[in-house]
C-alpha atoms as a PDB file:
ATOM      1  CA  MET A   1      -0.200   0.010  -0.012  1.00  0.00           C
ATOM      2  CA  GLU A   2       2.818   2.314   0.908  1.00  0.00           C
ATOM      3  CA  ASP A   3       4.690   1.509  -2.070  1.00  0.00           C
ATOM      4  CA  ILE A   4       1.353   2.316  -4.303  1.00  0.00           C
ATOM      5  CA  LEU A   5       1.198   5.766  -2.802  1.00  0.00           C
ATOM      6  CA  ARG A   6       4.558   6.373  -2.928  1.00  0.00           C
ATOM      7  CA  PRO A   7       5.181   8.796  -5.789  1.00  0.00           C
ATOM      8  CA  ILE A   8       1.770  10.836  -4.265  1.00  0.00           C
ATOM      9  CA  TYR A   9       3.750  11.529  -0.970  1.00  0.00           C
ATOM     10  CA  GLN A  10       7.371  11.687  -2.461  1.00  0.00           C
ATOM     11  CA  GLU A  11       6.612  14.662  -4.447  1.00  0.00           C
ATOM     12  CA  ARG A  12       5.356  16.541  -1.582  1.00  0.00           C
ATOM     13  CA  ALA A  13       8.125  15.536   0.752  1.00  0.00           C
ATOM     14  CA  SER A  14      10.371  16.890  -2.088  1.00  0.00           C
ATOM     15  CA  GLN A  15       9.282  20.346  -1.151  1.00  0.00           C
ATOM     16  CA  SER A  16      10.500  22.741   1.373  1.00  0.00           C
ATOM     17  CA  ASN A  17       7.264  23.698   2.468  1.00  0.00           C
ATOM     18  CA  THR A  18       6.513  19.988   3.869  1.00  0.00           C
ATOM     19  CA  LEU A  19       7.394  19.732   7.601  1.00  0.00           C
ATOM     20  CA  GLY A  20       5.858  16.121   7.843  1.00  0.00           C
ATOM     21  CA  VAL A  21       4.066  13.094   5.987  1.00  0.00           C
ATOM     22  CA  MET A  22       2.285  10.483   8.182  1.00  0.00           C
ATOM     23  CA  LEU A  23       0.536   7.265   6.747  1.00  0.00           C
ATOM     24  CA  ILE A  24      -2.422   6.126   8.651  1.00  0.00           C
ATOM     25  CA  GLU A  25      -4.233   2.697   7.911  1.00  0.00           C
ATOM     26  CA  LYS A  26      -7.608   1.198   8.585  1.00  0.00           C
ATOM     27  CA  LYS A  27      -6.859  -1.948  10.987  1.00  0.00           C
ATOM     28  CA  GLN A  28     -10.206  -3.100  11.820  1.00  0.00           C
ATOM     29  CA  LYS A  29     -13.287  -3.267   9.105  1.00  0.00           C
ATOM     30  CA  SER A  30     -15.386  -1.506  11.504  1.00  0.00           C
ATOM     31  CA  SER A  31     -12.509   0.956  12.766  1.00  0.00           C
ATOM     32  CA  GLN A  32     -13.876   4.484  11.708  1.00  0.00           C
ATOM     33  CA  ILE A  33     -10.690   6.051  12.780  1.00  0.00           C
ATOM     34  CA  THR A  34      -9.563   6.906   8.861  1.00  0.00           C
ATOM     35  CA  ASP A  35     -13.312   8.043   7.631  1.00  0.00           C
ATOM     36  CA  THR A  36     -14.142   4.883   5.986  1.00  0.00           C
ATOM     37  CA  PHE A  37     -10.827   4.970   3.720  1.00  0.00           C
ATOM     38  CA  ASP A  38      -8.377   2.327   3.620  1.00  0.00           C
ATOM     39  CA  VAL A  39      -5.661   4.533   4.227  1.00  0.00           C
ATOM     40  CA  ILE A  40      -5.065   8.149   4.908  1.00  0.00           C
ATOM     41  CA  LEU A  41      -2.185  10.525   4.030  1.00  0.00           C
ATOM     42  CA  LEU A  42      -1.493  13.306   6.524  1.00  0.00           C
ATOM     43  CA  ILE A  43       0.808  15.795   5.072  1.00  0.00           C
ATOM     44  CA  ILE A  44       1.586  18.882   7.442  1.00  0.00           C
ATOM     45  CA  VAL A  45       2.801  22.052   5.118  1.00  0.00           C
ATOM     46  CA  LYS A  46       4.251  25.198   7.151  1.00  0.00           C
ATOM     47  CA  GLU A  47       2.137  27.461   4.690  1.00  0.00           C
ATOM     48  CA  ALA A  48      -0.547  27.127   2.455  1.00  0.00           C
ATOM     49  CA  ASP A  49      -3.102  29.122   0.393  1.00  0.00           C
ATOM     50  CA  ARG A  50      -6.014  26.962   1.661  1.00  0.00           C
ATOM     51  CA  PRO A  51      -5.516  25.700   5.287  1.00  0.00           C
ATOM     52  CA  LEU A  52      -7.166  22.536   4.440  1.00  0.00           C
ATOM     53  CA  PHE A  53      -6.659  20.573   1.075  1.00  0.00           C
ATOM     54  CA  ILE A  54      -8.274  16.755   0.365  1.00  0.00           C
ATOM     55  CA  LYS A  55      -8.061  14.719  -2.202  1.00  0.00           C
ATOM     56  CA  HIS A  56      -9.529  10.992  -2.902  1.00  0.00           C
ATOM     57  CA  TYR A  57      -7.850   8.206  -4.754  1.00  0.00           C
ATOM     58  CA  THR A  58      -8.957   4.599  -5.857  1.00  0.00           C
ATOM     59  CA  TYR A  59      -6.374   1.920  -6.223  1.00  0.00           C
ATOM     60  CA  SER A  60      -6.654  -2.003  -6.295  1.00  0.00           C
ATOM     61  CA  ASN A  61     -10.330  -1.707  -5.332  1.00  0.00           C
ATOM     62  CA  LYS A  62      -9.388   0.475  -2.445  1.00  0.00           C
ATOM     63  CA  LYS A  63      -9.723   4.079  -1.522  1.00  0.00           C
ATOM     64  CA  ALA A  64      -7.232   6.612  -0.004  1.00  0.00           C
ATOM     65  CA  ALA A  65      -7.440  10.055   0.963  1.00  0.00           C
ATOM     66  CA  MET A  66      -4.598  12.807   1.107  1.00  0.00           C
ATOM     67  CA  HIS A  67      -4.951  15.545   3.549  1.00  0.00           C
ATOM     68  CA  VAL A  68      -2.846  18.634   3.298  1.00  0.00           C
ATOM     69  CA  ILE A  69      -2.871  20.698   6.538  1.00  0.00           C
ATOM     70  CA  ALA A  70      -1.364  23.954   7.566  1.00  0.00           C
ATOM     71  CA  GLU A  71       0.788  24.100  10.677  1.00  0.00           C
ATOM     72  CA  SER A  72      -1.489  26.944  11.742  1.00  0.00           C
ATOM     73  CA  LYS A  73      -4.810  25.153  10.872  1.00  0.00           C
ATOM     74  CA  LEU A  74      -3.169  21.889  12.815  1.00  0.00           C
ATOM     75  CA  GLN A  75      -2.369  23.788  15.617  1.00  0.00           C
ATOM     76  CA  GLU A  76      -5.643  25.433  15.848  1.00  0.00           C
ATOM     77  CA  TRP A  77      -7.570  21.853  15.496  1.00  0.00           C
ATOM     78  CA  LEU A  78      -5.010  20.649  18.390  1.00  0.00           C
ATOM     79  CA  LEU A  79      -6.070  23.481  20.886  1.00  0.00           C
ATOM     80  CA  LEU A  80      -9.695  24.106  20.343  1.00  0.00           C
ATOM     81  CA  GLY A  81     -10.362  20.198  19.794  1.00  0.00           C
ATOM     82  CA  THR A  82     -12.433  20.817  16.873  1.00  0.00           C
ATOM     83  CA  ASN A  83     -11.295  17.850  15.047  1.00  0.00           C
ATOM     84  CA  ARG A  84     -10.755  15.172  17.299  1.00  0.00           C
ATOM     85  CA  LYS A  85      -9.586  12.485  15.336  1.00  0.00           C
ATOM     86  CA  ILE A  86      -6.304  14.473  14.597  1.00  0.00           C
ATOM     87  CA  PHE A  87      -4.874  13.283  18.018  1.00  0.00           C
ATOM     88  CA  GLU A  88      -5.486   9.662  16.522  1.00  0.00           C
ATOM     89  CA  TRP A  89      -4.492  10.236  13.446  1.00  0.00           C
ATOM     90  CA  ILE A  90      -1.080  11.268  15.041  1.00  0.00           C
ATOM     91  CA  HIS A  91      -0.991   9.193  17.473  1.00  0.00           C
ATOM     92  CA  GLU A  92      -1.611   5.799  15.154  1.00  0.00           C
ATOM     93  CA  ALA A  93       0.512   7.121  12.255  1.00  0.00           C
ATOM     94  CA  LYS A  94       3.461   5.988  10.661  1.00  0.00           C
ATOM     95  CA  ILE A  95       6.146   8.278   9.800  1.00  0.00           C
ATOM     96  CA  LEU A  96       6.993   8.516   6.214  1.00  0.00           C
ATOM     97  CA  PHE A  97       9.119  11.715   6.277  1.00  0.00           C
ATOM     98  CA  ASP A  98       9.825  14.117   8.748  1.00  0.00           C
ATOM     99  CA  ARG A  99      11.868  17.002   8.300  1.00  0.00           C
ATOM    100  CA  ASN A 100      13.947  18.143  11.401  1.00  0.00           C
ATOM    101  CA  GLU A 101      11.881  15.743  13.545  1.00  0.00           C
ATOM    102  CA  TYR A 102       8.967  17.954  13.365  1.00  0.00           C
ATOM    103  CA  VAL A 103       6.668  14.885  13.400  1.00  0.00           C
ATOM    104  CA  ALA A 104       8.826  13.316  15.920  1.00  0.00           C
ATOM    105  CA  ASN A 105       8.809  16.431  18.140  1.00  0.00           C
ATOM    106  CA  LEU A 106       4.772  16.665  17.595  1.00  0.00           C
ATOM    107  CA  LYS A 107       4.161  13.070  18.666  1.00  0.00           C
ATOM    108  CA  THR A 108       6.235  13.318  22.226  1.00  0.00           C
ATOM    109  CA  GLU A 109       4.198  16.875  22.514  1.00  0.00           C
ATOM    110  CA  LEU A 110       0.518  15.314  22.468  1.00  0.00           C
ATOM    111  CA  ARG A 111       2.100  12.354  24.638  1.00  0.00           C
ATOM    112  CA  GLU A 112       3.423  14.360  27.301  1.00  0.00           C
ATOM    113  CA  PHE A 113       0.689  17.065  27.312  1.00  0.00           C
ATOM    114  CA  PRO A 114       2.449  20.093  28.587  1.00  0.00           C
ATOM    115  CA  PHE A 115       0.680  21.592  31.792  1.00  0.00           C
ATOM    116  CA  ASN A 116       0.384  25.218  29.744  1.00  0.00           C
ATOM    117  CA  GLY A 117      -1.141  23.294  27.079  1.00  0.00           C
ATOM    118  CA  ARG A 118      -3.439  21.688  29.308  1.00  0.00           C
ATOM    119  CA  LYS A 119      -4.321  24.676  31.299  1.00  0.00           C
ATOM    120  CA  ILE A 120      -5.589  26.764  28.270  1.00  0.00           C
ATOM    121  CA  LYS A 121      -7.657  23.486  27.071  1.00  0.00           C
ATOM    122  CA  MET A 122      -9.089  23.322  30.269  1.00  0.00           C
ATOM    123  CA  GLY A 123     -10.246  26.732  30.460  1.00  0.00           C
ATOM    124  CA  LEU A 124     -11.804  26.149  26.979  1.00  0.00           C
ATOM    125  CA  GLU A 125     -13.743  23.378  27.886  1.00  0.00           C
ATOM    126  CA  PHE A 126     -14.709  24.980  31.396  1.00  0.00           C
ATOM    127  CA  ALA A 127     -16.315  28.023  29.379  1.00  0.00           C
ATOM    128  CA  LYS A 128     -18.040  25.922  27.139  1.00  0.00           C
ATOM    129  CA  LEU A 129     -19.445  23.681  29.827  1.00  0.00           C
ATOM    130  CA  ILE A 130     -20.507  27.139  31.910  1.00  0.00           C
ATOM    131  CA  ARG A 131     -22.371  28.202  28.449  1.00  0.00           C
ATOM    132  CA  ARG A 132     -24.297  24.955  28.331  1.00  0.00           C
ATOM    133  CA  TYR A 133     -24.862  24.632  31.924  1.00  0.00           C
ATOM    134  CA  VAL A 134     -26.455  28.209  32.314  1.00  0.00           C
ATOM    135  CA  ASP A 135     -28.356  27.931  28.913  1.00  0.00           C
ATOM    136  CA  GLY A 136     -29.807  24.844  30.089  1.00  0.00           C
ATOM    137  CA  LYS A 137     -30.561  25.746  33.504  1.00  0.00           C
ATOM    138  CA  ALA A 138     -32.433  28.744  31.972  1.00  0.00           C
ATOM    139  CA  LEU A 139     -34.637  26.571  29.641  1.00  0.00           C
ATOM    140  CA  PHE A 140     -35.323  24.297  32.263  1.00  0.00           C
ATOM    141  CA  GLU A 141     -36.749  27.100  34.591  1.00  0.00           C
ATOM    142  CA  GLY A 142     -38.803  27.932  31.816  1.00  0.00           C
ATOM    143  CA  LYS A 143     -40.338  24.240  31.705  1.00  0.00           C
ATOM    144  CA  GLN A 144     -38.467  23.413  28.090  1.00  0.00           C
ATOM    145  CA  PHE A 145     -37.480  20.298  29.185  1.00  0.00           C
ATOM    146  CA  LEU A 146     -36.666  18.942  26.466  1.00  0.00           C
ATOM    147  CA  ASP A 147     -34.191  21.550  24.843  1.00  0.00           C
ATOM    148  CA  ALA A 148     -32.807  21.728  28.659  1.00  0.00           C
ATOM    149  CA  TYR A 149     -31.834  18.085  27.938  1.00  0.00           C
ATOM    150  CA  ASN A 150     -30.290  18.632  25.281  1.00  0.00           C
ATOM    151  CA  HIS A 151     -27.909  21.322  26.905  1.00  0.00           C
ATOM    152  CA  VAL A 152     -27.019  19.273  29.794  1.00  0.00           C
ATOM    153  CA  VAL A 153     -25.852  16.689  27.750  1.00  0.00           C
ATOM    154  CA  HIS A 154     -23.603  18.521  26.314  1.00  0.00           C
ATOM    155  CA  SER A 155     -22.581  20.626  29.832  1.00  0.00           C
ATOM    156  CA  LEU A 156     -21.834  17.007  30.892  1.00  0.00           C
ATOM    157  CA  HIS A 157     -19.764  16.174  27.859  1.00  0.00           C
ATOM    158  CA  HIS A 158     -17.424  19.252  28.372  1.00  0.00           C
ATOM    159  CA  LEU A 159     -16.959  18.532  32.223  1.00  0.00           C
ATOM    160  CA  ALA A 160     -16.310  14.956  31.060  1.00  0.00           C
ATOM    161  CA  ARG A 161     -13.494  16.547  28.522  1.00  0.00           C
ATOM    162  CA  LEU A 162     -12.329  18.739  31.407  1.00  0.00           C
ATOM    163  CA  ALA A 163     -11.629  15.620  33.759  1.00  0.00           C
ATOM    164  CA  VAL A 164      -9.978  14.101  31.285  1.00  0.00           C
ATOM    165  CA  ILE A 165      -7.750  16.667  30.552  1.00  0.00           C
ATOM    166  CA  GLU A 166      -7.519  17.251  34.073  1.00  0.00           C
ATOM    167  CA  ASN A 167      -5.897  14.043  34.453  1.00  0.00           C
ATOM    168  CA  GLY A 168      -3.234  14.998  31.862  1.00  0.00           C
ATOM    169  CA  LEU A 169      -4.963  13.253  28.938  1.00  0.00           C
ATOM    170  CA  HIS A 170      -6.507  14.331  25.687  1.00  0.00           C
ATOM    171  CA  PRO A 171     -10.011  13.777  25.673  1.00  0.00           C
ATOM    172  CA  GLU A 172     -10.430  10.734  22.610  1.00  0.00           C
ATOM    173  CA  LEU A 173     -13.625   9.903  20.498  1.00  0.00           C
ATOM    174  CA  THR A 174     -14.703   7.554  23.409  1.00  0.00           C
ATOM    175  CA  VAL A 175     -14.323  10.003  26.068  1.00  0.00           C
ATOM    176  CA  TRP A 176     -17.013   8.473  27.817  1.00  0.00           C
ATOM    177  CA  HIS A 177     -14.828   5.358  28.091  1.00  0.00           C
ATOM    178  CA  GLN A 178     -12.210   7.203  29.577  1.00  0.00           C
ATOM    179  CA  VAL A 179     -14.283   8.783  32.332  1.00  0.00           C
ATOM    180  CA  LYS A 180     -15.532   5.353  33.289  1.00  0.00           C
ATOM    181  CA  GLN A 181     -12.086   4.556  34.654  1.00  0.00           C
ATOM    182  CA  ILE A 182     -10.829   8.292  35.718  1.00  0.00           C
ATOM    183  CA  GLU A 183     -13.723   9.900  37.265  1.00  0.00           C
ATOM    184  CA  PRO A 184     -16.772   7.365  37.397  1.00  0.00           C
ATOM    185  CA  ALA A 185     -18.602   9.880  39.461  1.00  0.00           C
ATOM    186  CA  ILE A 186     -19.053  12.171  36.307  1.00  0.00           C
ATOM    187  CA  PHE A 187     -20.157   9.022  34.299  1.00  0.00           C
ATOM    188  CA  LYS A 188     -22.474   7.761  37.064  1.00  0.00           C
ATOM    189  CA  LEU A 189     -24.267  11.339  36.542  1.00  0.00           C
ATOM    190  CA  TYR A 190     -24.557  10.847  32.579  1.00  0.00           C
ATOM    191  CA  GLU A 191     -26.204   7.057  32.876  1.00  0.00           C
ATOM    192  CA  GLU A 192     -28.487   8.705  35.314  1.00  0.00           C
ATOM    193  CA  LEU A 193     -29.704  11.443  33.297  1.00  0.00           C
ATOM    194  CA  VAL A 194     -29.701   8.725  30.379  1.00  0.00           C
ATOM    195  CA  ASN A 195     -31.304   5.780  31.784  1.00  0.00           C
ATOM    196  CA  SER A 196     -33.304   6.792  35.088  1.00  0.00           C
ATOM    197  CA  GLU A 197     -36.950   5.489  35.028  1.00  0.00           C
ATOM    198  CA  GLU A 198     -37.698   9.352  36.568  1.00  0.00           C
ATOM    199  CA  THR A 199     -39.733  11.818  34.662  1.00  0.00           C
ATOM    200  CA  LEU A 200     -37.719  14.096  32.730  1.00  0.00           C
ATOM    201  CA  GLU A 201     -38.092  17.058  34.667  1.00  0.00           C
ATOM    202  CA  LYS A 202     -37.139  15.309  37.840  1.00  0.00           C
ATOM    203  CA  ARG A 203     -34.348  13.659  36.335  1.00  0.00           C
ATOM    204  CA  LEU A 204     -33.081  17.489  34.959  1.00  0.00           C
ATOM    205  CA  GLU A 205     -33.717  18.866  38.824  1.00  0.00           C
ATOM    206  CA  LEU A 206     -31.325  16.177  40.390  1.00  0.00           C
ATOM    207  CA  LEU A 207     -28.828  16.292  37.687  1.00  0.00           C
ATOM    208  CA  PHE A 208     -28.812  20.228  37.673  1.00  0.00           C
ATOM    209  CA  LEU A 209     -28.110  19.699  41.465  1.00  0.00           C
ATOM    210  CA  ALA A 210     -25.248  17.293  41.285  1.00  0.00           C
ATOM    211  CA  SER A 211     -23.418  19.566  38.578  1.00  0.00           C
ATOM    212  CA  GLU A 212     -23.451  22.246  40.512  1.00  0.00           C
ATOM    213  CA  PHE A 213     -21.073  20.876  42.954  1.00  0.00           C
ATOM    214  CA  MET A 214     -18.918  19.115  40.265  1.00  0.00           C
ATOM    215  CA  ILE A 215     -18.624  22.843  38.330  1.00  0.00           C
ATOM    216  CA  HIS A 216     -17.934  24.711  41.644  1.00  0.00           C
ATOM    217  CA  SER A 217     -15.037  21.901  42.555  1.00  0.00           C
ATOM    218  CA  ARG A 218     -13.169  22.693  39.318  1.00  0.00           C
ATOM    219  CA  THR A 219     -14.018  26.506  38.720  1.00  0.00           C
ATOM    220  CA  ASN A 220     -10.365  27.052  39.995  1.00  0.00           C
ATOM    221  CA  ILE A 221      -8.595  25.210  37.711  1.00  0.00           C
ATOM    222  CA  GLY A 222     -10.965  25.703  34.764  1.00  0.00           C
ATOM    223  CA  THR A 223     -10.343  29.528  35.305  1.00  0.00           C
ATOM    224  CA  ALA A 224      -6.875  29.403  35.979  1.00  0.00           C
ATOM    225  CA  HIS A 225      -6.104  30.546  32.031  1.00  0.00           C
ATOM    226  CA  LEU A 226      -8.285  33.173  32.052  1.00  0.00           C
ATOM    227  CA  LEU A 227      -7.744  34.891  35.443  1.00  0.00           C
ATOM    228  CA  ASP A 228      -4.029  34.531  34.662  1.00  0.00           C
ATOM    229  CA  VAL A 229      -4.329  36.942  31.498  1.00  0.00           C
ATOM    230  CA  LEU A 230      -6.796  39.257  33.194  1.00  0.00           C
ATOM    231  CA  SER A 231      -4.439  39.746  35.981  1.00  0.00           C
ATOM    232  CA  ARG A 232      -2.047  41.208  33.703  1.00  0.00           C
ATOM    233  CA  LYS A 233      -3.879  44.581  33.657  1.00  0.00           C
ATOM    234  CA  GLU A 234      -5.750  46.428  36.545  1.00  0.00           C
ATOM    235  CA  TYR A 235      -9.110  46.576  34.423  1.00  0.00           C
ATOM    236  CA  TRP A 236     -10.522  45.473  31.033  1.00  0.00           C
ATOM    237  CA  LEU A 237     -13.150  46.730  28.566  1.00  0.00           C
ATOM    238  CA  PHE A 238     -15.190  43.693  27.187  1.00  0.00           C
ATOM    239  CA  ASN A 239     -13.791  44.561  23.757  1.00  0.00           C
ATOM    240  CA  GLU A 240     -10.420  44.393  24.996  1.00  0.00           C
ATOM    241  CA  ILE A 241     -10.711  41.065  26.489  1.00  0.00           C
ATOM    242  CA  MET A 242     -12.086  39.593  23.141  1.00  0.00           C
ATOM    243  CA  ASN A 243      -9.424  40.699  21.213  1.00  0.00           C
ATOM    244  CA  GLU A 244      -6.668  39.593  23.588  1.00  0.00           C
ATOM    245  CA  ILE A 245      -4.705  37.158  21.156  1.00  0.00           C
ATOM    246  CA  GLU A 246      -4.572  34.449  24.128  1.00  0.00           C
ATOM    247  CA  LEU A 247      -8.639  34.936  25.171  1.00  0.00           C
ATOM    248  CA  ILE A 248      -9.849  35.192  21.166  1.00  0.00           C
ATOM    249  CA  PRO A 249     -10.633  30.854  21.192  1.00  0.00           C
ATOM    250  CA  TYR A 250     -12.917  31.620  24.306  1.00  0.00           C
ATOM    251  CA  SER A 251     -15.257  33.919  21.485  1.00  0.00           C
ATOM    252  CA  VAL A 252     -18.917  33.128  22.023  1.00  0.00           C
ATOM    253  CA  ASP A 253     -18.624  31.656  25.348  1.00  0.00           C
ATOM    254  CA  MET A 254     -16.752  34.692  27.348  1.00  0.00           C
ATOM    255  CA  ALA A 255     -20.054  36.989  28.146  1.00  0.00           C
ATOM    256  CA  VAL A 256     -21.483  34.357  30.206  1.00  0.00           C
ATOM    257  CA  LEU A 257     -18.400  33.135  31.691  1.00  0.00           C
ATOM    258  CA  LEU A 258     -17.342  36.476  33.180  1.00  0.00           C
ATOM    259  CA  GLU A 259     -21.024  36.924  34.430  1.00  0.00           C
ATOM    260  CA  TYR A 260     -20.317  33.640  36.038  1.00  0.00           C
ATOM    261  CA  LEU A 261     -17.378  34.554  37.647  1.00  0.00           C
ATOM    262  CA  ILE A 262     -18.587  37.887  38.839  1.00  0.00           C
ATOM    263  CA  GLU A 263     -20.967  35.629  40.719  1.00  0.00           C
ATOM    264  CA  LYS A 264     -18.580  33.793  42.174  1.00  0.00           C
ATOM    265  CA  HIS A 265     -16.626  36.647  43.245  1.00  0.00           C
ATOM    266  CA  LEU A 266     -13.562  36.056  41.001  1.00  0.00           C
ATOM    267  CA  LEU A 267     -13.916  38.887  39.255  1.00  0.00           C
ATOM    268  CA  ASP A 268     -15.396  42.225  39.957  1.00  0.00           C
ATOM    269  CA  VAL A 269     -16.875  44.957  38.087  1.00  0.00           C
ATOM    270  CA  VAL A 270     -15.165  48.168  38.009  1.00  0.00           C
ATOM    271  CA  ASN A 271     -17.357  51.246  36.585  1.00  0.00           C
ATOM    272  CA  VAL A 272     -15.126  53.743  34.569  1.00  0.00           C
ATOM    273  CA  GLU A 273     -16.975  57.174  33.966  1.00  0.00           C
ATOM    274  CA  THR A 274     -17.781  58.329  30.157  1.00  0.00           C
ATOM    275  CA  LYS A 275     -18.860  61.447  28.649  1.00  0.00           C
ATOM    276  CA  GLY A 276     -22.479  60.656  29.282  1.00  0.00           C
ATOM    277  CA  HIS A 277     -23.808  61.698  32.816  1.00  0.00           C
ATOM    278  CA  GLY A 278     -24.687  58.506  34.816  1.00  0.00           C
ATOM    279  CA  VAL A 279     -23.113  56.168  31.977  1.00  0.00           C
ATOM    280  CA  PHE A 280     -20.118  54.174  33.222  1.00  0.00           C
ATOM    281  CA  HIS A 281     -18.083  51.745  30.818  1.00  0.00           C
ATOM    282  CA  ARG A 282     -18.647  48.368  32.485  1.00  0.00           C
ATOM    283  CA  CYS A 283     -14.699  47.259  33.157  1.00  0.00           C
ATOM    284  CA  TYR A 284     -13.726  43.920  34.535  1.00  0.00           C
ATOM    285  CA  GLN A 285     -11.027  43.425  37.211  1.00  0.00           C
ATOM    286  CA  VAL A 286      -9.756  39.907  39.012  1.00  0.00           C
ATOM    287  CA  ASN A 287     -10.593  39.994  42.439  1.00  0.00           C
ATOM    288  CA  LYS A 288      -7.758  41.655  44.428  1.00  0.00           C
ATOM    289  CA  LYS A 289      -8.067  39.210  47.285  1.00  0.00           C
ATOM    290  CA  LEU A 290      -7.308  36.378  44.738  1.00  0.00           C
ATOM    291  CA  SER A 291      -3.943  38.647  43.993  1.00  0.00           C
END
C-alpha cells in the first residue's frame, strides 16, 4: 500500500514547505479512524493558500485520502479540539517523512501534554461547560425540558472532557470510556440522566444539583488560564478581552463566563466614567483578594 502511494507523497516530501508526511491505515473493518478510507496520507505544510486541502484516490479496489494541512490549522485543531480525530491520527500514524524531527516532536508533545497546553484547553472546556449549563438551567426554569435536556447532555460532555484533560490525557472520541475509568462520578451522572426511570423534569432537577457541585469544585482549575491573563492589567473593557490574542478562542462563551465569575466573586465589575452623565464603561477586574 505504501509502495503504491509513494509517488504521491514523495512529490510532496521533496517540497521545502513540507514539514512531515504520515500514513494512517485502517486496521479493522469496523474502525472509523480513517473515515471509511483504507488509508489516510496526512501531510503537514508550513504555509498554504488553503489551510486544508483534501484529495481522494482509488487503487486496487481500495480508497485513500490525502489531507494537506497548514501548520496553523493543525495547531488550531489541537488547541480547540474541533477535529478530534487528529489526535488519534497523529498517535497511530507511521512517519514517512519528517523534516527536522517536526512530527517526532509533535508526537512527543501530544503524549506528554505540557501543563500550559492543558491549562488553556481546560479553560476552553470550562467556558463551554458554563455556557451549556447556564442556558440549560434557563430552559429548565422555563419548563422547556427537552431543550434543557439537550444542553445538559452537552454540558456533561464538556465536564467529562475537562476531567480527562485535568488528568493529563487528551479526550478521545470514546470520551465516556475514558471518564468511566478516571472519573466514575461523572459517568454515573450521565448514566442517571440517560437511563433513569424518573420523569425528565425530575432527572434534570437532580442533575442540576449534582452538576453545580462538580462545576464548583473545578472552577479554580477551569478558570486559571483566563484569570492569569486578566490579572496582567488593572481592569479590562469587554472589547479588550475579546481582542486579546490568548483569549480569542473563548469567543462566544466569554460574556456568560465573565458573569459566572462575577457571581462567584472571582471577578469584580469596575465602573469607569464616560462623557455621558450617569453612564459608565463596565470593566472587569480580577478580585484583588485572589492576587
